[in-house]
Amino acid sequence: MDKFTRELLDLQNEFLKFNDDCLFYEYYKYGITCNIITGSYELIPSHYKNLM
């Protein structure tokens, strides 16, 4: 789902991560439904990359 979400939103940032269950629907005012995509920003500092 991560690849398809990136293509859908045209995102180029490699630090954004999306899970398989990142899309859900929520009812808003007046019976309107909204599609909500959740994700996280995971930045690993360069000095930690050497330790992994």
C-alpha atoms as a PDB file:
ATOM      1  CA  MET A   1       0.000   0.000   0.000  1.00  0.00           C
ATOM      2  CA  ASP A   2       2.952   2.287   0.598  1.00  0.00           C
ATOM      3  CA  LYS A   3       3.887   2.441  -3.104  1.00  0.00           C
ATOM      4  CA  PHE A   4       0.323   3.072  -4.280  1.00  0.00           C
ATOM      5  CA  THR A   5      -0.240   5.801  -1.680  1.00  0.00           C
ATOM      6  CA  ARG A   6       2.932   7.570  -2.791  1.00  0.00           C
ATOM      7  CA  GLU A   7       1.834   7.450  -6.435  1.00  0.00           C
ATOM      8  CA  LEU A   8      -1.685   8.595  -5.590  1.00  0.00           C
ATOM      9  CA  LEU A   9      -0.468  11.617  -3.611  1.00  0.00           C
ATOM     10  CA  ASP A  10       2.627  12.176  -5.789  1.00  0.00           C
ATOM     11  CA  LEU A  11       4.993  12.109  -2.798  1.00  0.00           C
ATOM     12  CA  GLN A  12       8.753  12.022  -3.287  1.00  0.00           C
ATOM     13  CA  ASN A  13       9.932  12.060   0.354  1.00  0.00           C
ATOM     14  CA  GLU A  14      11.548   8.721   1.252  1.00  0.00           C
ATOM     15  CA  PHE A  15      10.986   9.208   4.992  1.00  0.00           C
ATOM     16  CA  LEU A  16       7.180   9.028   4.779  1.00  0.00           C
ATOM     17  CA  LYS A  17       5.841   5.565   5.655  1.00  0.00           C
ATOM     18  CA  PHE A  18       2.309   4.210   5.172  1.00  0.00           C
ATOM     19  CA  ASN A  19       0.926   0.997   6.681  1.00  0.00           C
ATOM     20  CA  ASP A  20      -1.461  -1.395   4.936  1.00  0.00           C
ATOM     21  CA  ASP A  21      -4.358  -0.069   7.027  1.00  0.00           C
ATOM     22  CA  CYS A  22      -3.593   3.619   6.432  1.00  0.00           C
ATOM     23  CA  LEU A  23      -6.861   4.390   4.593  1.00  0.00           C
ATOM     24  CA  PHE A  24     -10.150   4.715   6.442  1.00  0.00           C
ATOM     25  CA  TYR A  25     -13.438   6.530   6.058  1.00  0.00           C
ATOM     26  CA  GLU A  26     -14.919   8.993   8.496  1.00  0.00           C
ATOM     27  CA  TYR A  27     -18.264  10.724   8.522  1.00  0.00           C
ATOM     28  CA  TYR A  28     -18.070  14.484   8.606  1.00  0.00           C
ATOM     29  CA  LYS A  29     -20.711  17.178   8.894  1.00  0.00           C
ATOM     30  CA  TYR A  30     -24.004  16.785   7.074  1.00  0.00           C
ATOM     31  CA  GLY A  31     -23.432  13.107   6.243  1.00  0.00           C
ATOM     32  CA  ILE A  32     -20.389  13.700   4.047  1.00  0.00           C
ATOM     33  CA  THR A  33     -17.773  10.948   4.134  1.00  0.00           C
ATOM     34  CA  CYS A  34     -14.069  11.682   4.070  1.00  0.00           C
ATOM     35  CA  ASN A  35     -11.228   9.425   3.016  1.00  0.00           C
ATOM     36  CA  ILE A  36      -8.385   9.772   5.513  1.00  0.00           C
ATOM     37  CA  ILE A  37      -4.841   8.531   4.900  1.00  0.00           C
ATOM     38  CA  THR A  38      -2.548   8.244   7.908  1.00  0.00           C
ATOM     39  CA  GLY A  39       1.200   7.886   7.800  1.00  0.00           C
ATOM     40  CA  SER A  40       4.349   8.605   9.720  1.00  0.00           C
ATOM     41  CA  TYR A  41       7.541  10.520   9.129  1.00  0.00           C
ATOM     42  CA  GLU A  42      10.512   8.343  10.031  1.00  0.00           C
ATOM     43  CA  LEU A  43      13.793  10.155   9.841  1.00  0.00           C
ATOM     44  CA  ILE A  44      16.862   8.277  11.042  1.00  0.00           C
ATOM     45  CA  PRO A  45      19.804  10.630  11.620  1.00  0.00           C
ATOM     46  CA  SER A  46      22.906   9.815   9.589  1.00  0.00           C
ATOM     47  CA  HIS A  47      25.020   9.097  12.670  1.00  0.00           C
ATOM     48  CA  TYR A  48      22.557   6.314  13.681  1.00  0.00           C
ATOM     49  CA  LYS A  49      22.600   4.646  10.243  1.00  0.00           C
ATOM     50  CA  ASN A  50      26.184   3.556  10.815  1.00  0.00           C
ATOM     51  CA  LEU A  51      25.189   1.714  13.996  1.00  0.00           C
ATOM     52  CA  MET A  52      22.476  -0.398  12.340  1.00  0.00           C
END
